[in-house]
C-alpha atoms as a PDB file:
ATOM      1  CA  MET A   1     -21.930 -44.081  13.502  1.00  0.00           C
ATOM      2  CA  SER A   2     -20.031 -47.257  14.405  1.00  0.00           C
ATOM      3  CA  PHE A   3     -16.328 -47.748  13.814  1.00  0.00           C
ATOM      4  CA  GLU A   4     -17.211 -51.370  13.097  1.00  0.00           C
ATOM      5  CA  ASP A   5     -18.618 -50.211   9.747  1.00  0.00           C
ATOM      6  CA  VAL A   6     -15.233 -48.680   8.927  1.00  0.00           C
ATOM      7  CA  LEU A   7     -13.443 -51.882   9.921  1.00  0.00           C
ATOM      8  CA  ARG A   8     -15.882 -53.957   7.898  1.00  0.00           C
ATOM      9  CA  SER A   9     -15.068 -52.010   4.721  1.00  0.00           C
ATOM     10  CA  TYR A  10     -11.346 -52.145   5.505  1.00  0.00           C
ATOM     11  CA  GLN A  11     -11.402 -55.910   6.037  1.00  0.00           C
ATOM     12  CA  GLY A  12     -13.696 -56.539   3.068  1.00  0.00           C
ATOM     13  CA  THR A  13     -11.444 -54.613   0.703  1.00  0.00           C
ATOM     14  CA  ASN A  14      -8.406 -56.483   2.002  1.00  0.00           C
ATOM     15  CA  ALA A  15     -10.056 -59.888   1.661  1.00  0.00           C
ATOM     16  CA  LEU A  16     -11.270 -59.239  -1.877  1.00  0.00           C
ATOM     17  CA  ALA A  17      -7.893 -57.831  -2.887  1.00  0.00           C
ATOM     18  CA  ARG A  18      -6.223 -61.091  -1.810  1.00  0.00           C
ATOM     19  CA  SER A  19      -8.565 -62.919  -4.174  1.00  0.00           C
ATOM     20  CA  LEU A  20      -7.965 -60.536  -7.084  1.00  0.00           C
ATOM     21  CA  ILE A  21      -4.278 -59.642  -6.853  1.00  0.00           C
ATOM     22  CA  GLY A  22      -2.901 -62.230  -4.447  1.00  0.00           C
ATOM     23  CA  ARG A  23      -2.121 -59.789  -1.636  1.00  0.00           C
ATOM     24  CA  PRO A  24      -4.013 -57.431   0.686  1.00  0.00           C
ATOM     25  CA  ALA A  25      -4.730 -53.908  -0.437  1.00  0.00           C
ATOM     26  CA  PHE A  26      -3.556 -52.466   2.882  1.00  0.00           C
ATOM     27  CA  ASP A  27      -0.620 -53.324   5.089  1.00  0.00           C
ATOM     28  CA  GLU A  28      -1.315 -54.277   8.695  1.00  0.00           C
ATOM     29  CA  LEU A  29      -2.208 -51.436  11.051  1.00  0.00           C
ATOM     30  CA  HIS A  30      -0.739 -51.301  14.557  1.00  0.00           C
ATOM     31  CA  VAL A  31      -2.861 -48.485  15.961  1.00  0.00           C
ATOM     32  CA  LEU A  32      -5.249 -48.809  18.898  1.00  0.00           C
ATOM     33  CA  LEU A  33      -8.918 -48.780  17.946  1.00  0.00           C
ATOM     34  CA  PRO A  34     -11.169 -46.044  19.351  1.00  0.00           C
ATOM     35  CA  ASP A  35     -13.489 -46.653  22.294  1.00  0.00           C
ATOM     36  CA  PRO A  36     -16.677 -44.649  21.596  1.00  0.00           C
ATOM     37  CA  GLY A  37     -17.477 -44.727  25.312  1.00  0.00           C
ATOM     38  CA  ARG A  38     -14.711 -42.159  25.838  1.00  0.00           C
ATOM     39  CA  ALA A  39     -15.491 -39.483  23.279  1.00  0.00           C
ATOM     40  CA  GLU A  40     -12.345 -37.336  23.215  1.00  0.00           C
ATOM     41  CA  PRO A  41      -9.805 -40.213  23.185  1.00  0.00           C
ATOM     42  CA  ALA A  42     -12.012 -41.990  20.644  1.00  0.00           C
ATOM     43  CA  PHE A  43     -11.806 -39.016  18.302  1.00  0.00           C
ATOM     44  CA  ILE A  44      -8.019 -38.828  18.672  1.00  0.00           C
ATOM     45  CA  ARG A  45      -7.552 -42.566  18.093  1.00  0.00           C
ATOM     46  CA  ALA A  46      -9.908 -42.593  15.115  1.00  0.00           C
ATOM     47  CA  THR A  47      -7.941 -39.734  13.574  1.00  0.00           C
ATOM     48  CA  SER A  48      -4.649 -41.591  14.101  1.00  0.00           C
ATOM     49  CA  TRP A  49      -6.032 -44.853  12.730  1.00  0.00           C
ATOM     50  CA  LEU A  50      -7.424 -43.218   9.596  1.00  0.00           C
ATOM     51  CA  TYR A  51      -4.239 -41.242   9.006  1.00  0.00           C
ATOM     52  CA  CYS A  52      -2.120 -44.399   9.198  1.00  0.00           C
ATOM     53  CA  LEU A  53      -4.454 -46.141   6.771  1.00  0.00           C
ATOM     54  CA  TYR A  54      -4.710 -43.294   4.255  1.00  0.00           C
ATOM     55  CA  PHE A  55      -1.106 -42.102   4.281  1.00  0.00           C
ATOM     56  CA  GLU A  56       0.921 -45.146   5.329  1.00  0.00           C
ATOM     57  CA  ALA A  57      -0.519 -48.670   5.310  1.00  0.00           C
ATOM     58  CA  GLY A  58      -2.955 -48.043   2.470  1.00  0.00           C
ATOM     59  CA  ARG A  59      -1.355 -45.132   0.637  1.00  0.00           C
ATOM     60  CA  VAL A  60      -0.883 -46.850  -2.733  1.00  0.00           C
ATOM     61  CA  SER A  61      -4.174 -48.751  -2.896  1.00  0.00           C
ATOM     62  CA  ILE A  62      -6.255 -45.831  -1.658  1.00  0.00           C
ATOM     63  CA  THR A  63      -4.797 -43.475  -4.255  1.00  0.00           C
ATOM     64  CA  PHE A  64      -5.384 -46.035  -7.008  1.00  0.00           C
ATOM     65  CA  LEU A  65      -8.911 -46.995  -5.949  1.00  0.00           C
ATOM     66  CA  ARG A  66      -9.973 -43.375  -5.455  1.00  0.00           C
ATOM     67  CA  ARG A  67      -9.095 -42.436  -9.017  1.00  0.00           C
ATOM     68  CA  LEU A  68     -10.583 -45.608 -10.463  1.00  0.00           C
ATOM     69  CA  GLY A  69     -13.700 -45.034  -8.375  1.00  0.00           C
ATOM     70  CA  GLU A  70     -14.099 -41.602  -9.926  1.00  0.00           C
ATOM     71  CA  ALA A  71     -13.995 -43.173 -13.392  1.00  0.00           C
ATOM     72  CA  TYR A  72     -16.639 -45.682 -12.294  1.00  0.00           C
ATOM     73  CA  ALA A  73     -18.687 -42.849 -10.719  1.00  0.00           C
ATOM     74  CA  LEU A  74     -18.532 -44.699  -7.407  1.00  0.00           C
ATOM     75  CA  VAL A  75     -16.417 -42.095  -5.611  1.00  0.00           C
ATOM     76  CA  ASN A  76     -17.087 -38.360  -5.461  1.00  0.00           C
ATOM     77  CA  ARG A  77     -13.718 -36.729  -6.052  1.00  0.00           C
ATOM     78  CA  GLU A  78     -14.419 -33.498  -4.199  1.00  0.00           C
ATOM     79  CA  GLU A  79     -15.830 -35.246  -1.147  1.00  0.00           C
ATOM     80  CA  SER A  80     -13.071 -37.862  -1.015  1.00  0.00           C
ATOM     81  CA  ASP A  81     -10.350 -35.230  -1.416  1.00  0.00           C
ATOM     82  CA  GLN A  82     -11.881 -33.153   1.364  1.00  0.00           C
ATOM     83  CA  HIS A  83     -12.159 -36.145   3.696  1.00  0.00           C
ATOM     84  CA  VAL A  84      -8.580 -37.346   3.180  1.00  0.00           C
ATOM     85  CA  GLU A  85      -7.235 -33.819   3.558  1.00  0.00           C
ATOM     86  CA  ILE A  86      -9.159 -33.135   6.764  1.00  0.00           C
ATOM     87  CA  VAL A  87      -7.806 -36.359   8.278  1.00  0.00           C
ATOM     88  CA  ARG A  88      -4.317 -35.099   7.480  1.00  0.00           C
ATOM     89  CA  CYS A  89      -5.029 -31.680   9.004  1.00  0.00           C
ATOM     90  CA  LEU A  90      -6.662 -33.108  12.138  1.00  0.00           C
ATOM     91  CA  ARG A  91      -3.786 -35.492  12.723  1.00  0.00           C
ATOM     92  CA  THR A  92      -1.232 -32.728  12.115  1.00  0.00           C
ATOM     93  CA  GLU A  93      -2.945 -30.449  14.614  1.00  0.00           C
ATOM     94  CA  LEU A  94      -3.370 -33.187  17.226  1.00  0.00           C
ATOM     95  CA  HIS A  95       0.172 -34.552  17.091  1.00  0.00           C
ATOM     96  CA  HIS A  96       2.361 -31.554  16.296  1.00  0.00           C
ATOM     97  CA  ASN A  97       3.259 -28.296  17.964  1.00  0.00           C
ATOM     98  CA  LEU A  98       2.042 -26.032  15.176  1.00  0.00           C
ATOM     99  CA  GLY A  99       3.662 -22.651  14.757  1.00  0.00           C
ATOM    100  CA  PHE A 100       2.691 -19.765  12.521  1.00  0.00           C
ATOM    101  CA  ALA A 101       4.101 -20.837   9.166  1.00  0.00           C
ATOM    102  CA  ASP A 102       1.590 -20.763   6.317  1.00  0.00           C
ATOM    103  CA  SER A 103       1.307 -24.566   6.206  1.00  0.00           C
ATOM    104  CA  ASP A 104       0.744 -24.747   9.973  1.00  0.00           C
ATOM    105  CA  GLN A 105      -1.888 -22.038   9.853  1.00  0.00           C
ATOM    106  CA  ALA A 106      -3.658 -23.760   6.969  1.00  0.00           C
ATOM    107  CA  ALA A 107      -3.806 -27.090   8.833  1.00  0.00           C
ATOM    108  CA  ARG A 108      -5.016 -25.435  12.034  1.00  0.00           C
ATOM    109  CA  THR A 109      -7.683 -23.389  10.229  1.00  0.00           C
ATOM    110  CA  ALA A 110      -8.973 -26.423   8.322  1.00  0.00           C
ATOM    111  CA  ALA A 111      -9.169 -28.526  11.500  1.00  0.00           C
ATOM    112  CA  GLU A 112     -10.934 -25.799  13.468  1.00  0.00           C
ATOM    113  CA  SER A 113     -13.412 -25.135  10.661  1.00  0.00           C
ATOM    114  CA  TRP A 114     -14.232 -28.826  10.394  1.00  0.00           C
ATOM    115  CA  ARG A 115     -14.838 -29.153  14.146  1.00  0.00           C
ATOM    116  CA  ARG A 116     -16.971 -26.015  14.191  1.00  0.00           C
ATOM    117  CA  LYS A 117     -19.117 -27.520  11.451  1.00  0.00           C
ATOM    118  CA  SER A 118     -19.265 -30.920  13.169  1.00  0.00           C
ATOM    119  CA  CYS A 119     -19.978 -29.941  16.769  1.00  0.00           C
ATOM    120  CA  GLY A 120     -20.570 -26.174  16.799  1.00  0.00           C
ATOM    121  CA  THR A 121     -17.192 -25.091  18.164  1.00  0.00           C
ATOM    122  CA  ALA A 122     -13.559 -25.074  17.048  1.00  0.00           C
ATOM    123  CA  LEU A 123     -12.499 -26.130  20.567  1.00  0.00           C
ATOM    124  CA  PRO A 124     -14.766 -28.912  21.899  1.00  0.00           C
ATOM    125  CA  ARG A 125     -15.056 -29.219  25.680  1.00  0.00           C
ATOM    126  CA  THR A 126     -18.039 -31.386  26.510  1.00  0.00           C
ATOM    127  CA  ASP A 127     -18.367 -35.113  25.907  1.00  0.00           C
ATOM    128  CA  GLN A 128     -21.260 -34.459  23.542  1.00  0.00           C
ATOM    129  CA  GLN A 129     -19.189 -32.083  21.429  1.00  0.00           C
ATOM    130  CA  TRP A 130     -16.357 -34.597  21.186  1.00  0.00           C
ATOM    131  CA  LEU A 131     -18.862 -37.348  20.396  1.00  0.00           C
ATOM    132  CA  ASP A 132     -20.320 -35.249  17.574  1.00  0.00           C
ATOM    133  CA  CYS A 133     -16.819 -34.810  16.139  1.00  0.00           C
ATOM    134  CA  TYR A 134     -16.089 -38.519  16.480  1.00  0.00           C
ATOM    135  CA  GLN A 135     -19.322 -39.543  14.811  1.00  0.00           C
ATOM    136  CA  GLY A 136     -18.827 -37.016  12.020  1.00  0.00           C
ATOM    137  CA  LEU A 137     -15.334 -38.287  11.283  1.00  0.00           C
ATOM    138  CA  VAL A 138     -16.314 -41.949  11.437  1.00  0.00           C
ATOM    139  CA  GLY A 139     -19.385 -41.302   9.301  1.00  0.00           C
ATOM    140  CA  ASN A 140     -17.299 -39.667   6.581  1.00  0.00           C
ATOM    141  CA  ALA A 141     -14.769 -42.504   6.751  1.00  0.00           C
ATOM    142  CA  ARG A 142     -17.536 -45.094   6.471  1.00  0.00           C
ATOM    143  CA  VAL A 143     -18.819 -43.483   3.265  1.00  0.00           C
ATOM    144  CA  PHE A 144     -15.315 -43.078   1.835  1.00  0.00           C
ATOM    145  CA  LEU A 145     -14.093 -46.611   2.563  1.00  0.00           C
ATOM    146  CA  GLY A 146     -17.445 -48.063   1.583  1.00  0.00           C
ATOM    147  CA  GLY A 147     -16.998 -46.421  -1.810  1.00  0.00           C
ATOM    148  CA  LEU A 148     -13.551 -47.966  -2.204  1.00  0.00           C
ATOM    149  CA  ASP A 149     -14.974 -51.364  -1.276  1.00  0.00           C
ATOM    150  CA  GLU A 150     -17.547 -50.940  -4.048  1.00  0.00           C
ATOM    151  CA  VAL A 151     -14.740 -50.149  -6.503  1.00  0.00           C
ATOM    152  CA  VAL A 152     -13.014 -53.448  -5.704  1.00  0.00           C
ATOM    153  CA  ARG A 153     -16.303 -55.305  -6.091  1.00  0.00           C
ATOM    154  CA  ARG A 154     -16.790 -53.603  -9.461  1.00  0.00           C
ATOM    155  CA  ILE A 155     -13.361 -54.798 -10.571  1.00  0.00           C
ATOM    156  CA  GLU A 156     -14.352 -58.327  -9.566  1.00  0.00           C
ATOM    157  CA  SER A 157     -17.701 -58.186 -11.371  1.00  0.00           C
ATOM    158  CA  ASP A 158     -16.115 -56.854 -14.575  1.00  0.00           C
ATOM    159  CA  GLY A 159     -13.926 -59.948 -14.755  1.00  0.00           C
ATOM    160  CA  ALA A 160     -11.573 -60.081 -17.738  1.00  0.00           C
ATOM    161  CA  ALA A 161     -12.642 -56.604 -18.841  1.00  0.00           C
ATOM    162  CA  ALA A 162     -10.990 -55.186 -15.724  1.00  0.00           C
ATOM    163  CA  GLN A 163      -7.753 -57.175 -16.028  1.00  0.00           C
ATOM    164  CA  GLN A 164      -5.799 -54.067 -16.957  1.00  0.00           C
ATOM    165  CA  HIS A 165      -6.931 -52.458 -13.694  1.00  0.00           C
ATOM    166  CA  VAL A 166      -5.850 -55.538 -11.737  1.00  0.00           C
ATOM    167  CA  ASP A 167      -2.449 -55.493 -13.442  1.00  0.00           C
ATOM    168  CA  GLU A 168      -1.957 -51.788 -12.809  1.00  0.00           C
ATOM    169  CA  TRP A 169      -2.985 -52.089  -9.169  1.00  0.00           C
ATOM    170  CA  LEU A 170      -0.554 -54.936  -8.571  1.00  0.00           C
ATOM    171  CA  ARG A 171       2.201 -53.108 -10.448  1.00  0.00           C
ATOM    172  CA  ARG A 172       1.828 -50.056  -8.237  1.00  0.00           C
ATOM    173  CA  LEU A 173       1.915 -52.127  -5.066  1.00  0.00           C
ATOM    174  CA  SER A 174       4.973 -54.089  -6.193  1.00  0.00           C
ATOM    175  CA  ARG A 175       6.870 -50.851  -6.913  1.00  0.00           C
ATOM    176  CA  ASP A 176       6.066 -49.245  -3.599  1.00  0.00           C
ATOM    177  CA  ARG A 177       8.630 -49.078  -0.830  1.00  0.00           C
ATOM    178  CA  PRO A 178       7.864 -48.137   2.781  1.00  0.00           C
ATOM    179  CA  ALA A 179       9.375 -44.861   3.893  1.00  0.00           C
ATOM    180  CA  ALA A 180      11.748 -46.701   6.229  1.00  0.00           C
ATOM    181  CA  ALA A 181      13.356 -48.417   3.211  1.00  0.00           C
ATOM    182  CA  PHE A 182      15.142 -45.138   2.476  1.00  0.00           C
ATOM    183  CA  ASP A 183      16.740 -44.911   5.931  1.00  0.00           C
ATOM    184  CA  SER A 184      19.755 -47.182   5.424  1.00  0.00           C
ATOM    185  CA  LEU A 185      20.518 -45.397   2.154  1.00  0.00           C
ATOM    186  CA  ILE A 186      20.324 -42.017   3.886  1.00  0.00           C
ATOM    187  CA  ASP A 187      22.686 -43.281   6.596  1.00  0.00           C
ATOM    188  CA  ASP A 188      25.133 -44.448   3.941  1.00  0.00           C
ATOM    189  CA  ALA A 189      25.031 -41.136   2.076  1.00  0.00           C
ATOM    190  CA  LYS A 190      25.171 -38.831   5.077  1.00  0.00           C
ATOM    191  CA  TYR A 191      28.367 -40.401   6.447  1.00  0.00           C
ATOM    192  CA  ARG A 192      30.004 -40.353   3.042  1.00  0.00           C
ATOM    193  CA  LEU A 193      29.115 -36.674   2.601  1.00  0.00           C
ATOM    194  CA  ALA A 194      30.122 -35.653   6.122  1.00  0.00           C
ATOM    195  CA  ARG A 195      26.624 -35.034   7.448  1.00  0.00           C
ATOM    196  CA  GLU A 196      26.837 -37.417  10.407  1.00  0.00           C
ATOM    197  CA  ALA A 197      24.658 -35.212  12.617  1.00  0.00           C
ATOM    198  CA  LEU A 198      21.739 -35.283  10.166  1.00  0.00           C
ATOM    199  CA  ASN A 199      18.523 -36.729  11.618  1.00  0.00           C
ATOM    200  CA  THR A 200      17.755 -39.579   9.215  1.00  0.00           C
ATOM    201  CA  VAL A 201      14.017 -39.845   9.879  1.00  0.00           C
ATOM    202  CA  ALA A 202      13.392 -36.084   9.814  1.00  0.00           C
ATOM    203  CA  PHE A 203      15.329 -35.756   6.546  1.00  0.00           C
ATOM    204  CA  ARG A 204      13.456 -38.694   5.038  1.00  0.00           C
ATOM    205  CA  ASN A 205      10.047 -37.385   6.052  1.00  0.00           C
ATOM    206  CA  ARG A 206      10.849 -34.028   4.519  1.00  0.00           C
ATOM    207  CA  HIS A 207      11.793 -35.408   1.097  1.00  0.00           C
ATOM    208  CA  VAL A 208      10.283 -38.894   0.685  1.00  0.00           C
ATOM    209  CA  ASP A 209       7.194 -37.759  -1.248  1.00  0.00           C
ATOM    210  CA  GLN A 210       9.351 -36.055  -3.874  1.00  0.00           C
ATOM    211  CA  TRP A 211      11.645 -39.076  -4.151  1.00  0.00           C
ATOM    212  CA  ARG A 212       8.657 -41.345  -4.675  1.00  0.00           C
ATOM    213  CA  LYS A 213       7.377 -39.126  -7.475  1.00  0.00           C
ATOM    214  CA  HIS A 214      10.708 -39.492  -9.277  1.00  0.00           C
ATOM    215  CA  LEU A 215      10.763 -43.268  -8.782  1.00  0.00           C
ATOM    216  CA  ASP A 216       7.209 -43.577 -10.101  1.00  0.00           C
ATOM    217  CA  LEU A 217       8.466 -42.321 -13.476  1.00  0.00           C
ATOM    218  CA  LEU A 218      10.944 -45.188 -13.892  1.00  0.00           C
ATOM    219  CA  GLU A 219      10.339 -48.375 -15.844  1.00  0.00           C
ATOM    220  CA  ASP A 220       9.468 -51.572 -13.994  1.00  0.00           C
ATOM    221  CA  GLY A 221      12.429 -53.566 -12.732  1.00  0.00           C
ATOM    222  CA  PHE A 222      14.591 -50.599 -11.777  1.00  0.00           C
ATOM    223  CA  ASP A 223      17.248 -50.956  -9.072  1.00  0.00           C
ATOM    224  CA  PHE A 224      15.630 -49.288  -6.070  1.00  0.00           C
ATOM    225  CA  SER A 225      18.801 -48.939  -4.001  1.00  0.00           C
ATOM    226  CA  PHE A 226      20.751 -47.364  -6.845  1.00  0.00           C
ATOM    227  CA  GLU A 227      18.033 -44.959  -7.973  1.00  0.00           C
ATOM    228  CA  ALA A 228      16.986 -43.964  -4.458  1.00  0.00           C
ATOM    229  CA  LEU A 229      20.595 -43.358  -3.425  1.00  0.00           C
ATOM    230  CA  ARG A 230      21.068 -41.067  -6.414  1.00  0.00           C
ATOM    231  CA  LEU A 231      18.058 -39.009  -5.333  1.00  0.00           C
ATOM    232  CA  ILE A 232      19.206 -38.893  -1.710  1.00  0.00           C
ATOM    233  CA  GLU A 233      22.715 -37.773  -2.649  1.00  0.00           C
ATOM    234  CA  LYS A 234      21.346 -35.141  -5.011  1.00  0.00           C
ATOM    235  CA  THR A 235      19.178 -33.768  -2.210  1.00  0.00           C
ATOM    236  CA  LEU A 236      22.059 -33.771   0.256  1.00  0.00           C
ATOM    237  CA  LEU A 237      24.388 -32.059  -2.190  1.00  0.00           C
ATOM    238  CA  HIS A 238      21.794 -29.411  -2.942  1.00  0.00           C
ATOM    239  CA  GLU A 239      21.200 -28.713   0.744  1.00  0.00           C
ATOM    240  CA  ASP A 240      24.902 -28.930   1.609  1.00  0.00           C
ATOM    241  CA  SER A 241      26.016 -26.202  -0.791  1.00  0.00           C
ATOM    242  CA  VAL A 242      26.554 -23.820   2.143  1.00  0.00           C
ATOM    243  CA  VAL A 243      26.806 -26.239   5.087  1.00  0.00           C
ATOM    244  CA  LEU A 244      30.348 -26.988   6.241  1.00  0.00           C
ATOM    245  CA  PRO A 245      31.214 -29.841   8.630  1.00  0.00           C
ATOM    246  CA  ILE A 246      33.479 -27.438  10.570  1.00  0.00           C
ATOM    247  CA  THR A 247      33.198 -24.031  12.228  1.00  0.00           C
ATOM    248  CA  GLY A 248      35.597 -21.252  13.056  1.00  0.00           C
ATOM    249  CA  ARG A 249      35.982 -22.783  16.502  1.00  0.00           C
ATOM    250  CA  ASP A 250      37.365 -25.974  14.929  1.00  0.00           C
ATOM    251  CA  ILE A 251      40.004 -23.896  13.151  1.00  0.00           C
ATOM    252  CA  VAL A 252      41.003 -22.290  16.447  1.00  0.00           C
ATOM    253  CA  ASP A 253      41.013 -25.528  18.449  1.00  0.00           C
ATOM    254  CA  ASP A 254      42.419 -28.001  15.909  1.00  0.00           C
ATOM    255  CA  LEU A 255      44.744 -25.804  13.860  1.00  0.00           C
ATOM    256  CA  GLY A 256      45.842 -23.498  16.659  1.00  0.00           C
ATOM    257  CA  VAL A 257      44.956 -20.349  14.721  1.00  0.00           C
ATOM    258  CA  ALA A 258      44.687 -17.162  16.740  1.00  0.00           C
ATOM    259  CA  ARG A 259      41.395 -15.317  16.594  1.00  0.00           C
ATOM    260  CA  GLY A 260      41.445 -12.816  13.768  1.00  0.00           C
ATOM    261  CA  PRO A 261      41.145 -12.358   9.981  1.00  0.00           C
ATOM    262  CA  GLU A 262      43.001 -15.592   9.211  1.00  0.00           C
ATOM    263  CA  ILE A 263      40.029 -17.607  10.471  1.00  0.00           C
ATOM    264  CA  GLY A 264      37.760 -15.930   7.932  1.00  0.00           C
ATOM    265  CA  ALA A 265      40.256 -16.583   5.142  1.00  0.00           C
ATOM    266  CA  LEU A 266      40.522 -20.254   6.094  1.00  0.00           C
ATOM    267  CA  LEU A 267      36.725 -20.625   6.293  1.00  0.00           C
ATOM    268  CA  GLU A 268      36.454 -19.227   2.774  1.00  0.00           C
ATOM    269  CA  GLU A 269      39.053 -21.750   1.613  1.00  0.00           C
ATOM    270  CA  ALA A 270      37.135 -24.505   3.422  1.00  0.00           C
ATOM    271  CA  ARG A 271      33.916 -23.504   1.669  1.00  0.00           C
ATOM    272  CA  ARG A 272      35.599 -23.424  -1.742  1.00  0.00           C
ATOM    273  CA  HIS A 273      37.210 -26.834  -1.230  1.00  0.00           C
ATOM    274  CA  PHE A 274      34.080 -28.432   0.254  1.00  0.00           C
ATOM    275  CA  GLU A 275      31.856 -27.329  -2.621  1.00  0.00           C
ATOM    276  CA  VAL A 276      34.275 -28.865  -5.121  1.00  0.00           C
ATOM    277  CA  SER A 277      35.123 -32.010  -3.154  1.00  0.00           C
ATOM    278  CA  LYS A 278      32.736 -33.181  -0.446  1.00  0.00           C
ATOM    279  CA  CYS A 279      34.750 -34.583   2.424  1.00  0.00           C
ATOM    280  CA  SER A 280      34.638 -35.370   6.113  1.00  0.00           C
ATOM    281  CA  ARG A 281      35.439 -32.982   8.932  1.00  0.00           C
ATOM    282  CA  GLU A 282      38.924 -34.438   9.442  1.00  0.00           C
ATOM    283  CA  GLU A 283      39.703 -34.397   5.731  1.00  0.00           C
ATOM    284  CA  LEU A 284      38.671 -30.764   5.500  1.00  0.00           C
ATOM    285  CA  LEU A 285      40.803 -29.803   8.492  1.00  0.00           C
ATOM    286  CA  ASP A 286      43.772 -31.671   6.985  1.00  0.00           C
ATOM    287  CA  HIS A 287      43.305 -29.688   3.780  1.00  0.00           C
ATOM    288  CA  LEU A 288      43.331 -26.425   5.750  1.00  0.00           C
ATOM    289  CA  ARG A 289      46.481 -27.493   7.584  1.00  0.00           C
ATOM    290  CA  ARG A 290      48.239 -27.997   4.255  1.00  0.00           C
ATOM    291  CA  VAL A 291      46.954 -24.682   2.913  1.00  0.00           C
ATOM    292  CA  ARG A 292      48.046 -22.868   6.034  1.00  0.00           C
ATOM    293  CA  GLN A 293      51.460 -24.544   5.971  1.00  0.00           C
ATOM    294  CA  ARG A 294      52.001 -23.463   2.355  1.00  0.00           C
ATOM    295  CA  ARG A 295      50.991 -19.918   3.206  1.00  0.00           C
ATOM    296  CA  MET A 296      53.375 -19.837   6.143  1.00  0.00           C
ATOM    297  CA  GLU A 297      56.193 -21.121   3.927  1.00  0.00           C
ATOM    298  CA  ASP A 298      55.374 -18.476   1.315  1.00  0.00           C
ATOM    299  CA  GLU A 299      55.459 -15.799   4.002  1.00  0.00           C
ATOM    300  CA  CYS A 300      58.906 -16.928   5.108  1.00  0.00           C
ATOM    301  CA  GLN A 301      60.158 -16.668   1.542  1.00  0.00           C
ATOM    302  CA  ASN A 302      58.288 -13.455   0.777  1.00  0.00           C
ATOM    303  CA  PRO A 303      57.117 -11.502   3.862  1.00  0.00           C
ATOM    304  CA  ALA A 304      54.918  -9.273   1.689  1.00  0.00           C
ATOM    305  CA  VAL A 305      52.571 -12.208   1.122  1.00  0.00           C
ATOM    306  CA  SER A 306      51.500 -12.115   4.771  1.00  0.00           C
ATOM    307  CA  THR A 307      49.518  -8.951   4.200  1.00  0.00           C
ATOM    308  CA  ALA A 308      47.179 -10.849   1.846  1.00  0.00           C
ATOM    309  CA  VAL A 309      45.977 -13.013   4.739  1.00  0.00           C
ATOM    310  CA  LYS A 310      46.337 -10.696   7.691  1.00  0.00           C
ATOM    311  CA  ALA A 311      44.923  -7.561   6.080  1.00  0.00           C
END
């Protein structure tokens, strides 16, 4: 199986899409192409290239054309679903340090089962075994992408009768935003909600699929920045319900509180205040200073009050 066949379908679909909808079906890919003369690296590169096409550069068009292809009886749903999923599992296993969570185990098991079927072992060692895996993967991709190319050609041949499909395809592409488009909004929200240490990309990758599902339900012409920011803030607020921007050590160091029960009482007050009014670390510490000052004043006026904090 030649990777050139895969590229031919990829380029053909892109070229025909430009003619039909005025733009390519897939965004540009910046992934090195496999060299079949080096079997193991070729398999790894082919996996990476296909993953980037299916889940990044071509995510919208591939989803649309797959479902339309099923309606045209040009794409076998079970086979296409299996192929796309195994690319995801292979890439996950190759590029991540998988642990023993259920999702990790499922990806590892699927990848190992596929390799065992393709080359006779879950853990290839010889060049021939890796070549068998490479050819199996490329062969499946050739069939899959060839089917999508036929779908686009069917749209073209149907002419005006397929105009609604052309309009829907273009609508979906025009509504799509790359994952990185959420990053500046996450940065804005995390500083406002006192989550400066949050890893923007990791947070985005964890939630972007769910955000996209919500955005897909909105009418055309919606304000992406406004709607996406609402979703991001909702997610942050949900996750932040028990995450404070301070610790007991901050109370000791910044407020000069001696180690003891008062720290626990102040942390409880910090939690109560933070859940009602999200604020920065400094704002929360200032609030605790005021609370502590009032308590100290109350103790001076009524010494019995001190037992409520120190007990």
